PDB file of N, CA and C in Angstrom:
ATOM      1  N   UNK A   1      45.266  17.504 -31.929  1.00  0.00           N
ATOM      2  CA  UNK A   1      46.550  16.997 -32.373  1.00  0.00           C
ATOM      3  C   UNK A   1      46.308  16.049 -33.541  1.00  0.00           C
ATOM      4  N   UNK A   2      47.053  16.220 -34.602  1.00  0.00           N
ATOM      5  CA  UNK A   2      46.917  15.328 -35.747  1.00  0.00           C
ATOM      6  C   UNK A   2      47.703  14.052 -35.496  1.00  0.00           C
ATOM      7  N   UNK A   3      47.272  13.002 -36.115  1.00  0.00           N
ATOM      8  CA  UNK A   3      47.935  11.714 -35.963  1.00  0.00           C
ATOM      9  C   UNK A   3      48.590  11.358 -37.283  1.00  0.00           C
ATOM     10  N   UNK A   4      49.841  10.944 -37.209  1.00  0.00           N
ATOM     11  CA  UNK A   4      50.593  10.577 -38.404  1.00  0.00           C
ATOM     12  C   UNK A   4      51.036   9.135 -38.255  1.00  0.00           C
ATOM     13  N   UNK A   5      50.900   8.368 -39.300  1.00  0.00           N
ATOM     14  CA  UNK A   5      51.295   6.969 -39.268  1.00  0.00           C
ATOM     15  C   UNK A   5      52.585   6.775 -40.050  1.00  0.00           C
ATOM     16  N   UNK A   6      53.431   5.891 -39.559  1.00  0.00           N
ATOM     17  CA  UNK A   6      54.666   5.550 -40.252  1.00  0.00           C
ATOM     18  C   UNK A   6      54.652   4.053 -40.544  1.00  0.00           C
ATOM     19  N   UNK A   7      55.445   3.656 -41.513  1.00  0.00           N
ATOM     20  CA  UNK A   7      55.551   2.243 -41.859  1.00  0.00           C
ATOM     21  C   UNK A   7      56.560   1.577 -40.926  1.00  0.00           C
ATOM     22  N   UNK A   8      56.235   0.365 -40.502  1.00  0.00           N
ATOM     23  CA  UNK A   8      57.164  -0.445 -39.713  1.00  0.00           C
ATOM     24  C   UNK A   8      57.227  -1.829 -40.337  1.00  0.00           C
ATOM     25  N   UNK A   9      58.371  -2.497 -40.143  1.00  0.00           N
ATOM     26  CA  UNK A   9      58.485  -3.859 -40.656  1.00  0.00           C
ATOM     27  C   UNK A   9      57.968  -4.848 -39.612  1.00  0.00           C
ATOM     28  N   UNK A  10      58.082  -6.130 -39.878  1.00  0.00           N
ATOM     29  CA  UNK A  10      57.564  -7.171 -38.988  1.00  0.00           C
ATOM     30  C   UNK A  10      58.240  -7.182 -37.622  1.00  0.00           C
ATOM     31  N   UNK A  11      59.412  -6.558 -37.514  1.00  0.00           N
ATOM     32  CA  UNK A  11      60.151  -6.526 -36.253  1.00  0.00           C
ATOM     33  C   UNK A  11      59.972  -5.206 -35.512  1.00  0.00           C
ATOM     34  N   UNK A  12      59.142  -4.318 -36.039  1.00  0.00           N
ATOM     35  CA  UNK A  12      58.894  -3.034 -35.393  1.00  0.00           C
ATOM     36  C   UNK A  12      59.875  -1.943 -35.764  1.00  0.00           C
ATOM     37  N   UNK A  13      60.751  -2.201 -36.725  1.00  0.00           N
ATOM     38  CA  UNK A  13      61.699  -1.179 -37.178  1.00  0.00           C
ATOM     39  C   UNK A  13      60.973  -0.150 -38.031  1.00  0.00           C
ATOM     40  N   UNK A  14      61.247   1.116 -37.805  1.00  0.00           N
ATOM     41  CA  UNK A  14      60.632   2.192 -38.569  1.00  0.00           C
ATOM     42  C   UNK A  14      61.276   2.263 -39.943  1.00  0.00           C
ATOM     43  N   UNK A  15      60.436   2.360 -40.971  1.00  0.00           N
ATOM     44  CA  UNK A  15      60.909   2.425 -42.348  1.00  0.00           C
ATOM     45  C   UNK A  15      60.744   3.839 -42.876  1.00  0.00           C
ATOM     46  N   UNK A  16      61.738   4.312 -43.601  1.00  0.00           N
ATOM     47  CA  UNK A  16      61.608   5.625 -44.237  1.00  0.00           C
ATOM     48  C   UNK A  16      60.792   5.463 -45.514  1.00  0.00           C
ATOM     49  N   UNK A  17      60.675   6.502 -46.298  1.00  0.00           N
ATOM     50  CA  UNK A  17      59.843   6.475 -47.501  1.00  0.00           C
ATOM     51  C   UNK A  17      60.581   6.021 -48.757  1.00  0.00           C
ATOM     52  N   UNK A  18      61.828   5.594 -48.627  1.00  0.00           N
ATOM     53  CA  UNK A  18      62.590   5.117 -49.780  1.00  0.00           C
ATOM     54  C   UNK A  18      61.988   3.822 -50.318  1.00  0.00           C
ATOM     55  N   UNK A  19      62.085   3.633 -51.611  1.00  0.00           N
ATOM     56  CA  UNK A  19      61.609   2.403 -52.248  1.00  0.00           C
ATOM     57  C   UNK A  19      62.419   1.221 -51.719  1.00  0.00           C
ATOM     58  N   UNK A  20      61.751   0.164 -51.357  1.00  0.00           N
ATOM     59  CA  UNK A  20      62.440  -1.040 -50.919  1.00  0.00           C
ATOM     60  C   UNK A  20      62.470  -1.231 -49.417  1.00  0.00           C
ATOM     61  N   UNK A  21      61.830  -0.372 -48.650  1.00  0.00           N
ATOM     62  CA  UNK A  21      61.738  -0.565 -47.206  1.00  0.00           C
ATOM     63  C   UNK A  21      63.041  -0.372 -46.456  1.00  0.00           C
ATOM     64  N   UNK A  22      63.689   0.751 -46.646  1.00  0.00           N
ATOM     65  CA  UNK A  22      64.939   1.061 -45.945  1.00  0.00           C
ATOM     66  C   UNK A  22      64.625   1.448 -44.503  1.00  0.00           C
ATOM     67  N   UNK A  23      65.367   0.881 -43.546  1.00  0.00           N
ATOM     68  CA  UNK A  23      65.175   1.248 -42.145  1.00  0.00           C
ATOM     69  C   UNK A  23      65.602   2.689 -41.920  1.00  0.00           C
ATOM     70  N   UNK A  24      64.808   3.435 -41.175  1.00  0.00           N
ATOM     71  CA  UNK A  24      65.177   4.794 -40.799  1.00  0.00           C
ATOM     72  C   UNK A  24      66.262   4.716 -39.728  1.00  0.00           C
ATOM     73  N   UNK A  25      67.193   5.650 -39.756  1.00  0.00           N
ATOM     74  CA  UNK A  25      68.275   5.694 -38.765  1.00  0.00           C
ATOM     75  C   UNK A  25      67.789   6.437 -37.521  1.00  0.00           C
ATOM     76  N   UNK A  26      68.162   5.946 -36.347  1.00  0.00           N
ATOM     77  CA  UNK A  26      67.775   6.545 -35.067  1.00  0.00           C
ATOM     78  C   UNK A  26      68.893   7.452 -34.565  1.00  0.00           C
ATOM     79  N   UNK A  27      68.539   8.652 -34.140  1.00  0.00           N
ATOM     80  CA  UNK A  27      69.499   9.620 -33.617  1.00  0.00           C
ATOM     81  C   UNK A  27      68.952  10.237 -32.340  1.00  0.00           C
ATOM     82  N   UNK A  28      69.833  10.829 -31.552  1.00  0.00           N
ATOM     83  CA  UNK A  28      69.447  11.616 -30.383  1.00  0.00           C
ATOM     84  C   UNK A  28      69.987  13.016 -30.569  1.00  0.00           C
ATOM     85  N   UNK A  29      69.114  14.003 -30.410  1.00  0.00           N
ATOM     86  CA  UNK A  29      69.504  15.400 -30.597  1.00  0.00           C
ATOM     87  C   UNK A  29      70.411  15.873 -29.468  1.00  0.00           C
ATOM     88  N   UNK A  30      71.411  16.653 -29.825  1.00  0.00           N
ATOM     89  CA  UNK A  30      72.292  17.293 -28.847  1.00  0.00           C
ATOM     90  C   UNK A  30      72.212  18.805 -28.986  1.00  0.00           C
ATOM     91  N   UNK A  31      71.148  19.284 -29.644  1.00  0.00           N
ATOM     92  CA  UNK A  31      70.988  20.726 -29.846  1.00  0.00           C
ATOM     93  C   UNK A  31      70.505  21.394 -28.560  1.00  0.00           C
ATOM     94  N   UNK A  32      70.671  22.688 -28.495  1.00  0.00           N
ATOM     95  CA  UNK A  32      70.202  23.463 -27.343  1.00  0.00           C
ATOM     96  C   UNK A  32      68.673  23.425 -27.279  1.00  0.00           C
ATOM     97  N   UNK A  33      68.032  23.481 -28.433  1.00  0.00           N
ATOM     98  CA  UNK A  33      66.572  23.530 -28.493  1.00  0.00           C
ATOM     99  C   UNK A  33      65.904  22.197 -28.130  1.00  0.00           C
ATOM    100  N   UNK A  34      66.512  21.074 -28.500  1.00  0.00           N
ATOM    101  CA  UNK A  34      65.910  19.748 -28.276  1.00  0.00           C
ATOM    102  C   UNK A  34      66.896  18.749 -27.679  1.00  0.00           C
ATOM    103  N   UNK A  35      67.532  19.068 -26.569  1.00  0.00           N
ATOM    104  CA  UNK A  35      68.537  18.146 -26.024  1.00  0.00           C
ATOM    105  C   UNK A  35      67.919  16.814 -25.588  1.00  0.00           C
ATOM    106  N   UNK A  36      68.543  15.732 -26.022  1.00  0.00           N
ATOM    107  CA  UNK A  36      68.114  14.400 -25.620  1.00  0.00           C
ATOM    108  C   UNK A  36      66.894  13.862 -26.348  1.00  0.00           C
ATOM    109  N   UNK A  37      66.347  14.596 -27.289  1.00  0.00           N
ATOM    110  CA  UNK A  37      65.152  14.142 -28.005  1.00  0.00           C
ATOM    111  C   UNK A  37      65.537  13.156 -29.105  1.00  0.00           C
ATOM    112  N   UNK A  38      64.870  12.006 -29.097  1.00  0.00           N
ATOM    113  CA  UNK A  38      65.119  10.983 -30.111  1.00  0.00           C
ATOM    114  C   UNK A  38      64.373  11.321 -31.388  1.00  0.00           C
ATOM    115  N   UNK A  39      64.994  11.013 -32.520  1.00  0.00           N
ATOM    116  CA  UNK A  39      64.342  11.210 -33.806  1.00  0.00           C
ATOM    117  C   UNK A  39      64.879  10.211 -34.815  1.00  0.00           C
ATOM    118  N   UNK A  40      64.187  10.098 -35.921  1.00  0.00           N
ATOM    119  CA  UNK A  40      64.540   9.184 -36.996  1.00  0.00           C
ATOM    120  C   UNK A  40      64.613   9.968 -38.294  1.00  0.00           C
ATOM    121  N   UNK A  41      65.504   9.548 -39.180  1.00  0.00           N
ATOM    122  CA  UNK A  41      65.563  10.148 -40.511  1.00  0.00           C
ATOM    123  C   UNK A  41      66.049   9.086 -41.484  1.00  0.00           C
ATOM    124  N   UNK A  42      65.909   9.400 -42.764  1.00  0.00           N
ATOM    125  CA  UNK A  42      66.365   8.475 -43.795  1.00  0.00           C
ATOM    126  C   UNK A  42      67.831   8.132 -43.537  1.00  0.00           C
ATOM    127  N   UNK A  43      68.160   6.853 -43.636  1.00  0.00           N
ATOM    128  CA  UNK A  43      69.523   6.407 -43.351  1.00  0.00           C
ATOM    129  C   UNK A  43      70.506   6.725 -44.472  1.00  0.00           C
ATOM    130  N   UNK A  44      69.982   7.084 -45.640  1.00  0.00           N
ATOM    131  CA  UNK A  44      70.875   7.413 -46.754  1.00  0.00           C
ATOM    132  C   UNK A  44      71.531   8.768 -46.512  1.00  0.00           C
ATOM    133  N   UNK A  45      72.715   8.934 -47.059  1.00  0.00           N
ATOM    134  CA  UNK A  45      73.454  10.188 -46.938  1.00  0.00           C
ATOM    135  C   UNK A  45      72.634  11.352 -47.479  1.00  0.00           C
ATOM    136  N   UNK A  46      72.759  12.500 -46.856  1.00  0.00           N
ATOM    137  CA  UNK A  46      72.047  13.690 -47.336  1.00  0.00           C
ATOM    138  C   UNK A  46      72.494  14.086 -48.739  1.00  0.00           C
ATOM    139  N   UNK A  47      73.676  13.647 -49.148  1.00  0.00           N
ATOM    140  CA  UNK A  47      74.188  13.926 -50.490  1.00  0.00           C
ATOM    141  C   UNK A  47      73.655  12.947 -51.536  1.00  0.00           C
ATOM    142  N   UNK A  48      73.025  11.872 -51.091  1.00  0.00           N
ATOM    143  CA  UNK A  48      72.499  10.854 -52.000  1.00  0.00           C
ATOM    144  C   UNK A  48      71.236  11.397 -52.685  1.00  0.00           C
ATOM    145  N   UNK A  49      71.218  11.465 -54.011  1.00  0.00           N
ATOM    146  CA  UNK A  49      70.035  11.993 -54.702  1.00  0.00           C
ATOM    147  C   UNK A  49      68.788  11.130 -54.500  1.00  0.00           C
ATOM    148  N   UNK A  50      68.966   9.896 -54.022  1.00  0.00           N
ATOM    149  CA  UNK A  50      67.828   9.007 -53.772  1.00  0.00           C
ATOM    150  C   UNK A  50      67.326   9.071 -52.333  1.00  0.00           C
ATOM    151  N   UNK A  51      67.913   9.940 -51.527  1.00  0.00           N
ATOM    152  CA  UNK A  51      67.493  10.101 -50.138  1.00  0.00           C
ATOM    153  C   UNK A  51      66.086  10.686 -50.115  1.00  0.00           C
ATOM    154  N   UNK A  52      65.203  10.162 -49.261  1.00  0.00           N
ATOM    155  CA  UNK A  52      63.784  10.538 -49.308  1.00  0.00           C
ATOM    156  C   UNK A  52      63.400  11.684 -48.372  1.00  0.00           C
ATOM    157  N   UNK A  53      64.320  12.193 -47.576  1.00  0.00           N
ATOM    158  CA  UNK A  53      64.046  13.291 -46.640  1.00  0.00           C
ATOM    159  C   UNK A  53      63.080  12.921 -45.522  1.00  0.00           C
ATOM    160  N   UNK A  54      62.901  11.618 -45.253  1.00  0.00           N
ATOM    161  CA  UNK A  54      62.039  11.205 -44.145  1.00  0.00           C
ATOM    162  C   UNK A  54      62.584  11.767 -42.842  1.00  0.00           C
ATOM    163  N   UNK A  55      61.694  12.259 -41.999  1.00  0.00           N
ATOM    164  CA  UNK A  55      62.050  12.709 -40.657  1.00  0.00           C
ATOM    165  C   UNK A  55      60.899  12.365 -39.735  1.00  0.00           C
ATOM    166  N   UNK A  56      61.200  11.772 -38.607  1.00  0.00           N
ATOM    167  CA  UNK A  56      60.183  11.457 -37.606  1.00  0.00           C
ATOM    168  C   UNK A  56      60.757  11.665 -36.229  1.00  0.00           C
ATOM    169  N   UNK A  57      59.911  12.066 -35.308  1.00  0.00           N
ATOM    170  CA  UNK A  57      60.392  12.260 -33.942  1.00  0.00           C
ATOM    171  C   UNK A  57      59.669  11.317 -33.002  1.00  0.00           C
ATOM    172  N   UNK A  58      60.343  10.933 -31.958  1.00  0.00           N
ATOM    173  CA  UNK A  58      59.756  10.058 -30.951  1.00  0.00           C
ATOM    174  C   UNK A  58      58.773  10.869 -30.126  1.00  0.00           C
ATOM    175  N   UNK A  59      57.551  10.408 -30.032  1.00  0.00           N
ATOM    176  CA  UNK A  59      56.547  11.109 -29.237  1.00  0.00           C
ATOM    177  C   UNK A  59      56.822  10.892 -27.758  1.00  0.00           C
ATOM    178  N   UNK A  60      56.652  11.918 -26.976  1.00  0.00           N
ATOM    179  CA  UNK A  60      56.888  11.808 -25.540  1.00  0.00           C
ATOM    180  C   UNK A  60      55.780  11.036 -24.843  1.00  0.00           C
ATOM    181  N   UNK A  61      54.547  11.189 -25.320  1.00  0.00           N
ATOM    182  CA  UNK A  61      53.413  10.574 -24.659  1.00  0.00           C
ATOM    183  C   UNK A  61      53.203   9.120 -25.059  1.00  0.00           C
ATOM    184  N   UNK A  62      53.525   8.772 -26.271  1.00  0.00           N
ATOM    185  CA  UNK A  62      53.295   7.430 -26.782  1.00  0.00           C
ATOM    186  C   UNK A  62      54.600   6.817 -27.272  1.00  0.00           C
ATOM    187  N   UNK A  63      54.622   5.504 -27.371  1.00  0.00           N
ATOM    188  CA  UNK A  63      55.823   4.842 -27.881  1.00  0.00           C
ATOM    189  C   UNK A  63      55.705   4.648 -29.388  1.00  0.00           C
ATOM    190  N   UNK A  64      55.306   5.706 -30.066  1.00  0.00           N
ATOM    191  CA  UNK A  64      55.248   5.709 -31.525  1.00  0.00           C
ATOM    192  C   UNK A  64      55.974   6.953 -31.998  1.00  0.00           C
ATOM    193  N   UNK A  65      56.081   7.133 -33.267  1.00  0.00           N
ATOM    194  CA  UNK A  65      56.754   8.329 -33.747  1.00  0.00           C
ATOM    195  C   UNK A  65      55.931   8.972 -34.839  1.00  0.00           C
ATOM    196  N   UNK A  66      56.208  10.209 -35.100  1.00  0.00           N
ATOM    197  CA  UNK A  66      55.526  10.904 -36.178  1.00  0.00           C
ATOM    198  C   UNK A  66      56.493  11.079 -37.321  1.00  0.00           C
ATOM    199  N   UNK A  67      55.996  11.056 -38.501  1.00  0.00           N
ATOM    200  CA  UNK A  67      56.835  11.212 -39.679  1.00  0.00           C
ATOM    201  C   UNK A  67      56.193  12.138 -40.669  1.00  0.00           C
ATOM    202  N   UNK A  68      56.824  12.279 -41.804  1.00  0.00           N
ATOM    203  CA  UNK A  68      56.213  13.137 -42.830  1.00  0.00           C
ATOM    204  C   UNK A  68      55.913  12.347 -44.067  1.00  0.00           C
TER     205      UNK A  68
END
């Protein structure tokens, strides 16, 4: 299994890849494929040209997340 590191601030908030340390938004999936799975993505609107496309999922085994 590969290990991926994400940036966090001093309070443990996950940061997306946007310039300036934007907090990633936390969501819970309601899809058939991943019901109840927590994930994080860039908090900027998908229509925002400055959105960084960050996506991370909460690992089931550890209290960390993976990102891209």
